[in-house]
Amino acid sequence: MTKDAPRSTASTAPDRFRLQPIYRLGIAALSGSVALGTTGPALASADTAVQKAPMHLAQATEGVGKAMGEGEGEGEGEGEGRKASILRDDSVYLARLGLIRGHLTIGVDLYRNGHREAAATHMKHPADELYAGLKPALEVRGAPGFAEALQQLAAQVETGAEIGAVEDAFAAVEDGLDAAAAAVPVAQRADAKTRFGVIIQLLRAAAQEYAVALDDGRVVNAHEYQDALGFVRVARAELDALSANDQQMQRAGVASAVEVARTQLDRISGLWTDLVPPPKLDRDPGRLFGATARIELAASAIQ
């Protein structure tokens, strides 16, 4: 574990995590009349409404992932509003760290399984694009950077190093990610609203990537398919960490939101048949958008 970095006055968390709805209609419109924070039968109605949403949900979320620098060109073309957001919003900042972790986790897994060329593309992406958008937030929060560790990991993969050396380099990057996350006070990092903010942003990114990966039953972009898997893995790890926090789990709405999230993540696990996808894959990307919407709705009830 890394030592906590000094707390930055610029990293004040919002009173509530601010989540853009997964659909342009907004979460409240999923059931027509179900208000946010509603549970029980009303939540079931909302769930039914999500299932009846249009199949081309990727079109309904056009621009949502780009707002966070997700999808192709992650970290590029960020507007001033989003740059400011990553400076002041802990969940946006931590989600960016999660996106980097997701890319690299998949890259190491690919390398471990002999897919070295594919692994190299995942290693380059965070250093080339995601990290650039993160640097101002690291500086404002007084967090240590880890650019050199990223470069060392990419170099190990590109030169075909032994897996042990690659895993050691990855461990160094993970230490850097942990140190950067520690710039957010531990109580705020552990807060259920912050964690769900991170989880939902990771799942939005995964949904967009998965939608790009498939086209009418064909896998047209294996890289995006893998990115989506990496982001979901990190989201599940965040959920597991929240589940292990007894204090947070006792808060109103947290246990039920965690249960919904776990159920939804289990339901979408079949979207990935293997680390490297087959040429044809009969899967509906809308399932991932729908799961994200259900989790967002459940999280909105947290007190």
Protein backbone atom coordinates (compact mmCIF):
# COMPACT_ATOMS: atom_id res chain seq x y z
CA MET A 1 0.00 0.00 0.00
CA THR A 2 1.17 3.52 -0.65
CA LYS A 3 1.22 6.34 1.83
CA ASP A 4 -1.58 8.85 1.66
CA ALA A 5 -0.63 11.98 -0.23
CA PRO A 6 -1.29 15.39 1.36
CA ARG A 7 -4.88 16.46 1.07
CA SER A 8 -5.45 19.13 -1.53
CA THR A 9 -8.02 21.83 -0.96
CA ALA A 10 -8.80 21.64 -4.68
CA SER A 11 -10.17 18.10 -4.37
CA THR A 12 -13.27 18.96 -2.39
CA ALA A 13 -15.97 16.43 -3.21
CA PRO A 14 -19.45 17.41 -4.30
CA ASP A 15 -22.34 16.99 -1.84
CA ARG A 16 -23.80 14.37 -4.18
CA PHE A 17 -22.12 12.61 -7.04
CA ARG A 18 -23.32 14.21 -10.22
CA LEU A 19 -24.11 11.61 -12.86
CA GLN A 20 -25.24 12.45 -16.34
CA PRO A 21 -28.11 10.10 -17.25
CA ILE A 22 -27.11 7.16 -19.42
CA TYR A 23 -29.85 8.09 -21.88
CA ARG A 24 -30.64 11.52 -23.25
CA LEU A 25 -34.14 11.09 -21.86
CA GLY A 26 -32.67 10.85 -18.35
CA ILE A 27 -33.04 8.08 -15.84
CA ALA A 28 -36.35 9.40 -14.56
CA ALA A 29 -37.85 8.97 -18.01
CA LEU A 30 -37.07 5.28 -18.11
CA SER A 31 -40.38 4.45 -16.49
CA GLY A 32 -42.27 7.58 -17.40
CA SER A 33 -43.38 8.42 -13.86
CA VAL A 34 -40.87 6.77 -11.53
CA ALA A 35 -38.91 9.30 -9.52
CA LEU A 36 -35.28 8.93 -8.58
CA GLY A 37 -34.78 7.24 -5.25
CA THR A 38 -37.85 5.04 -5.70
CA THR A 39 -37.55 1.40 -4.73
CA GLY A 40 -39.70 -1.74 -4.70
CA PRO A 41 -42.44 -2.08 -7.35
CA ALA A 42 -41.55 1.25 -8.90
CA LEU A 43 -37.97 0.09 -9.41
CA ALA A 44 -39.30 -3.03 -11.09
CA SER A 45 -41.32 -0.80 -13.41
CA ALA A 46 -38.22 1.14 -14.26
CA ASP A 47 -36.40 -2.10 -14.93
CA THR A 48 -39.12 -3.12 -17.36
CA ALA A 49 -38.87 0.24 -19.07
CA VAL A 50 -35.13 -0.21 -19.55
CA GLN A 51 -35.76 -3.57 -21.20
CA LYS A 52 -38.15 -1.90 -23.64
CA ALA A 53 -35.65 0.85 -24.55
CA PRO A 54 -34.52 1.04 -28.18
CA MET A 55 -31.93 -1.47 -29.23
CA HIS A 56 -29.60 1.16 -30.63
CA LEU A 57 -28.79 2.63 -27.24
CA ALA A 58 -25.33 3.60 -28.37
CA GLN A 59 -26.89 6.33 -30.51
CA ALA A 60 -28.84 7.58 -27.50
CA THR A 61 -25.63 8.09 -25.57
CA GLU A 62 -23.60 9.74 -28.30
CA GLY A 63 -21.31 12.22 -26.65
CA VAL A 64 -21.71 10.94 -23.08
CA GLY A 65 -18.50 8.94 -23.16
CA LYS A 66 -16.68 11.67 -25.04
CA ALA A 67 -17.48 14.04 -22.22
CA MET A 68 -15.22 11.99 -19.99
CA GLY A 69 -12.64 11.35 -22.66
CA GLU A 70 -13.82 7.78 -23.15
CA GLY A 71 -13.95 5.66 -26.25
CA GLU A 72 -11.72 6.21 -29.21
CA GLY A 73 -9.44 9.15 -28.61
CA GLU A 74 -9.80 8.94 -24.85
CA GLY A 75 -8.44 12.02 -23.19
CA GLU A 76 -8.39 14.00 -26.43
CA GLY A 77 -10.52 16.98 -27.21
CA GLU A 78 -11.68 17.53 -23.64
CA GLY A 79 -13.61 20.75 -23.21
CA GLU A 80 -12.78 23.25 -20.50
CA GLY A 81 -15.79 22.10 -18.47
CA ARG A 82 -14.55 18.51 -18.32
CA LYS A 83 -11.01 19.62 -17.52
CA ALA A 84 -12.41 21.59 -14.60
CA SER A 85 -14.51 18.62 -13.57
CA ILE A 86 -11.57 16.24 -13.24
CA LEU A 87 -9.86 18.86 -11.08
CA ARG A 88 -12.69 19.21 -8.59
CA ASP A 89 -14.81 16.04 -8.84
CA ASP A 90 -13.32 13.07 -7.02
CA SER A 91 -15.39 10.46 -8.84
CA VAL A 92 -14.33 11.79 -12.27
CA TYR A 93 -10.69 11.81 -11.17
CA LEU A 94 -10.84 8.31 -9.70
CA ALA A 95 -12.72 7.01 -12.74
CA ARG A 96 -9.91 8.27 -14.99
CA LEU A 97 -7.47 6.26 -12.89
CA GLY A 98 -9.82 3.30 -13.26
CA LEU A 99 -9.86 3.62 -17.05
CA ILE A 100 -6.06 3.48 -17.09
CA ARG A 101 -6.10 0.45 -14.80
CA GLY A 102 -8.67 -1.27 -17.02
CA HIS A 103 -6.59 -0.79 -20.16
CA LEU A 104 -3.43 -2.11 -18.52
CA THR A 105 -5.08 -5.05 -16.76
CA ILE A 106 -6.35 -6.29 -20.11
CA GLY A 107 -3.00 -5.59 -21.76
CA VAL A 108 -1.09 -7.67 -19.23
CA ASP A 109 -3.67 -10.45 -19.49
CA LEU A 110 -3.30 -10.50 -23.27
CA TYR A 111 0.49 -10.57 -22.98
CA ARG A 112 0.32 -13.39 -20.45
CA ASN A 113 -1.74 -15.40 -22.93
CA GLY A 114 0.58 -14.86 -25.87
CA HIS A 115 -1.25 -12.02 -27.64
CA ARG A 116 1.69 -9.64 -27.59
CA GLU A 117 0.76 -7.37 -30.47
CA ALA A 118 -2.71 -6.79 -29.04
CA ALA A 119 -1.19 -6.21 -25.61
CA ALA A 120 1.08 -3.49 -26.96
CA THR A 121 -1.85 -1.41 -28.21
CA HIS A 122 -3.45 -1.45 -24.77
CA MET A 123 -0.18 -0.39 -23.14
CA LYS A 124 0.31 2.59 -25.45
CA HIS A 125 -3.18 3.99 -25.10
CA PRO A 126 -3.05 5.21 -21.47
CA ALA A 127 0.34 6.87 -21.88
CA ASP A 128 -0.54 8.49 -25.20
CA GLU A 129 -4.00 9.80 -24.36
CA LEU A 130 -5.52 9.16 -20.93
CA TYR A 131 -2.53 10.28 -18.89
CA ALA A 132 -2.27 13.62 -20.68
CA GLY A 133 -5.75 14.58 -19.50
CA LEU A 134 -4.95 13.39 -15.99
CA LYS A 135 -1.75 15.43 -15.45
CA PRO A 136 -3.43 18.72 -14.45
CA ALA A 137 -5.53 16.90 -11.85
CA LEU A 138 -2.45 15.21 -10.43
CA GLU A 139 -0.73 18.57 -10.11
CA VAL A 140 -3.69 20.34 -8.49
CA ARG A 141 -4.19 17.54 -5.99
CA GLY A 142 -0.51 17.25 -5.15
CA ALA A 143 -0.47 13.65 -6.34
CA PRO A 144 2.69 11.96 -7.62
CA GLY A 145 2.82 11.20 -11.32
CA PHE A 146 3.54 7.80 -12.82
CA ALA A 147 4.38 8.60 -16.45
CA GLU A 148 7.77 6.92 -16.23
CA ALA A 149 6.23 3.71 -14.90
CA LEU A 150 3.74 3.73 -17.79
CA GLN A 151 6.55 4.16 -20.28
CA GLN A 152 8.58 1.36 -18.71
CA LEU A 153 5.63 -1.02 -18.91
CA ALA A 154 5.00 -0.16 -22.57
CA ALA A 155 8.70 -0.65 -23.33
CA GLN A 156 8.78 -4.07 -21.67
CA VAL A 157 5.83 -5.21 -23.77
CA GLU A 158 7.13 -3.75 -27.02
CA THR A 159 10.53 -5.46 -26.61
CA GLY A 160 8.98 -8.84 -25.82
CA ALA A 161 10.28 -9.08 -22.26
CA GLU A 162 9.63 -12.11 -20.06
CA ILE A 163 6.23 -12.13 -18.42
CA GLY A 164 7.81 -11.72 -14.99
CA ALA A 165 9.40 -8.44 -16.04
CA VAL A 166 6.13 -7.24 -17.55
CA GLU A 167 4.23 -8.10 -14.37
CA ASP A 168 6.84 -6.28 -12.27
CA ALA A 169 6.47 -3.21 -14.48
CA PHE A 170 2.70 -3.44 -14.17
CA ALA A 171 3.01 -3.64 -10.37
CA ALA A 172 5.00 -0.40 -10.46
CA VAL A 173 2.20 1.28 -12.43
CA GLU A 174 -0.37 -0.03 -9.97
CA ASP A 175 1.66 1.52 -7.15
CA GLY A 176 1.52 4.79 -9.07
CA LEU A 177 -2.23 4.51 -9.54
CA ASP A 178 -2.69 3.80 -5.83
CA ALA A 179 -0.54 6.78 -4.88
CA ALA A 180 -2.51 9.03 -7.24
CA ALA A 181 -5.81 7.78 -5.78
CA ALA A 182 -4.49 8.48 -2.27
CA ALA A 183 -4.58 12.20 -3.08
CA VAL A 184 -8.32 11.88 -2.44
CA PRO A 185 -8.90 11.59 1.33
CA VAL A 186 -9.53 7.99 2.31
CA ALA A 187 -12.98 8.73 3.74
CA GLN A 188 -14.05 10.26 0.44
CA ARG A 189 -12.59 7.40 -1.62
CA ALA A 190 -14.53 4.92 0.51
CA ASP A 191 -17.78 6.87 0.38
CA ALA A 192 -20.55 4.87 -1.29
CA LYS A 193 -21.65 7.77 -3.48
CA THR A 194 -18.11 8.34 -4.69
CA ARG A 195 -17.61 4.63 -5.42
CA PHE A 196 -20.86 4.37 -7.31
CA GLY A 197 -19.93 7.50 -9.23
CA VAL A 198 -16.74 5.74 -10.31
CA ILE A 199 -18.53 2.47 -11.07
CA ILE A 200 -21.15 4.13 -13.25
CA GLN A 201 -18.62 6.15 -15.23
CA LEU A 202 -16.56 3.01 -15.86
CA LEU A 203 -19.66 1.16 -17.02
CA ARG A 204 -20.68 4.01 -19.32
CA ALA A 205 -17.26 3.84 -20.91
CA ALA A 206 -17.56 0.05 -21.20
CA ALA A 207 -20.99 0.32 -22.80
CA GLN A 208 -19.78 2.78 -25.40
CA GLU A 209 -16.70 0.70 -26.20
CA TYR A 210 -18.70 -2.50 -26.52
CA ALA A 211 -21.17 -0.83 -28.86
CA VAL A 212 -18.28 0.25 -31.08
CA ALA A 213 -16.82 -3.27 -31.04
CA LEU A 214 -19.86 -4.98 -32.56
CA ASP A 215 -21.75 -4.41 -35.76
CA ASP A 216 -24.74 -6.59 -36.52
CA GLY A 217 -23.30 -9.71 -34.92
CA ARG A 218 -19.74 -9.17 -36.15
CA VAL A 219 -16.77 -8.13 -34.03
CA VAL A 220 -15.34 -5.17 -35.91
CA ASN A 221 -13.03 -3.89 -33.18
CA ALA A 222 -11.48 -6.41 -30.79
CA HIS A 223 -9.58 -3.66 -28.97
CA GLU A 224 -12.80 -1.94 -27.88
CA TYR A 225 -14.32 -5.30 -26.89
CA GLN A 226 -11.32 -5.82 -24.63
CA ASP A 227 -11.42 -2.28 -23.27
CA ALA A 228 -15.01 -2.82 -22.21
CA LEU A 229 -14.03 -6.00 -20.38
CA GLY A 230 -11.21 -4.20 -18.59
CA PHE A 231 -13.46 -1.37 -17.45
CA VAL A 232 -16.09 -3.79 -16.16
CA ARG A 233 -13.42 -5.68 -14.23
CA VAL A 234 -12.33 -2.49 -12.50
CA ALA A 235 -15.96 -1.55 -11.79
CA ARG A 236 -16.51 -4.94 -10.16
CA ALA A 237 -13.40 -4.46 -8.03
CA GLU A 238 -14.79 -1.12 -6.86
CA LEU A 239 -18.06 -2.80 -5.98
CA ASP A 240 -16.25 -5.54 -4.05
CA ALA A 241 -14.34 -2.91 -2.08
CA LEU A 242 -17.58 -1.16 -1.20
CA SER A 243 -19.20 -4.45 -0.18
CA ALA A 244 -16.35 -5.08 2.27
CA ASN A 245 -16.89 -1.73 4.00
CA ASP A 246 -19.32 -2.49 6.84
CA GLN A 247 -19.77 1.15 7.76
CA GLN A 248 -20.82 2.14 4.25
CA MET A 249 -23.00 -0.93 3.80
CA GLN A 250 -25.08 0.15 6.81
CA ARG A 251 -26.06 3.43 5.16
CA ALA A 252 -29.58 3.72 3.80
CA GLY A 253 -29.80 2.51 0.22
CA VAL A 254 -26.27 1.15 -0.07
CA ALA A 255 -26.93 -2.56 0.46
CA SER A 256 -29.80 -2.58 -2.04
CA ALA A 257 -27.76 -0.63 -4.60
CA VAL A 258 -24.86 -3.05 -4.20
CA GLU A 259 -27.23 -5.99 -4.70
CA VAL A 260 -28.64 -4.45 -7.88
CA ALA A 261 -25.15 -3.71 -9.17
CA ARG A 262 -23.88 -7.21 -8.46
CA THR A 263 -26.90 -8.77 -10.14
CA GLN A 264 -26.48 -6.58 -13.23
CA LEU A 265 -22.75 -7.28 -13.51
CA ASP A 266 -23.44 -11.00 -13.28
CA ARG A 267 -26.08 -10.73 -16.00
CA ILE A 268 -23.75 -9.02 -18.47
CA SER A 269 -20.79 -11.35 -17.89
CA GLY A 270 -21.81 -13.44 -20.91
CA LEU A 271 -21.16 -10.51 -23.25
CA TRP A 272 -17.51 -11.61 -23.29
CA THR A 273 -16.87 -15.15 -24.44
CA ASP A 274 -13.10 -14.96 -24.16
CA LEU A 275 -10.27 -12.45 -23.90
CA VAL A 276 -9.93 -12.49 -27.70
CA PRO A 277 -13.37 -12.41 -29.34
CA PRO A 278 -14.47 -14.64 -32.19
CA PRO A 279 -15.18 -13.02 -35.59
CA LYS A 280 -18.91 -13.34 -35.00
CA LEU A 281 -20.62 -12.69 -31.69
CA ASP A 282 -24.38 -12.58 -31.36
CA ARG A 283 -24.65 -10.21 -28.40
CA ASP A 284 -26.74 -7.11 -27.76
CA PRO A 285 -24.70 -4.07 -26.64
CA GLY A 286 -27.92 -2.63 -25.26
CA ARG A 287 -27.66 -5.04 -22.33
CA LEU A 288 -24.65 -3.15 -21.03
CA PHE A 289 -26.35 0.23 -21.41
CA GLY A 290 -29.42 -1.16 -19.65
CA ALA A 291 -27.39 -2.62 -16.79
CA THR A 292 -25.66 0.72 -16.29
CA ALA A 293 -28.98 2.55 -16.18
CA ARG A 294 -30.38 0.16 -13.58
CA ILE A 295 -27.30 0.56 -11.40
CA GLU A 296 -27.47 4.34 -11.70
CA LEU A 297 -31.12 4.32 -10.69
CA ALA A 298 -30.41 2.11 -7.66
CA ALA A 299 -27.47 4.27 -6.60
CA SER A 300 -29.60 7.40 -6.67
CA ALA A 301 -31.46 6.12 -3.58
CA ILE A 302 -28.34 6.18 -1.39
CA GLN A 303 -28.74 8.57 1.55
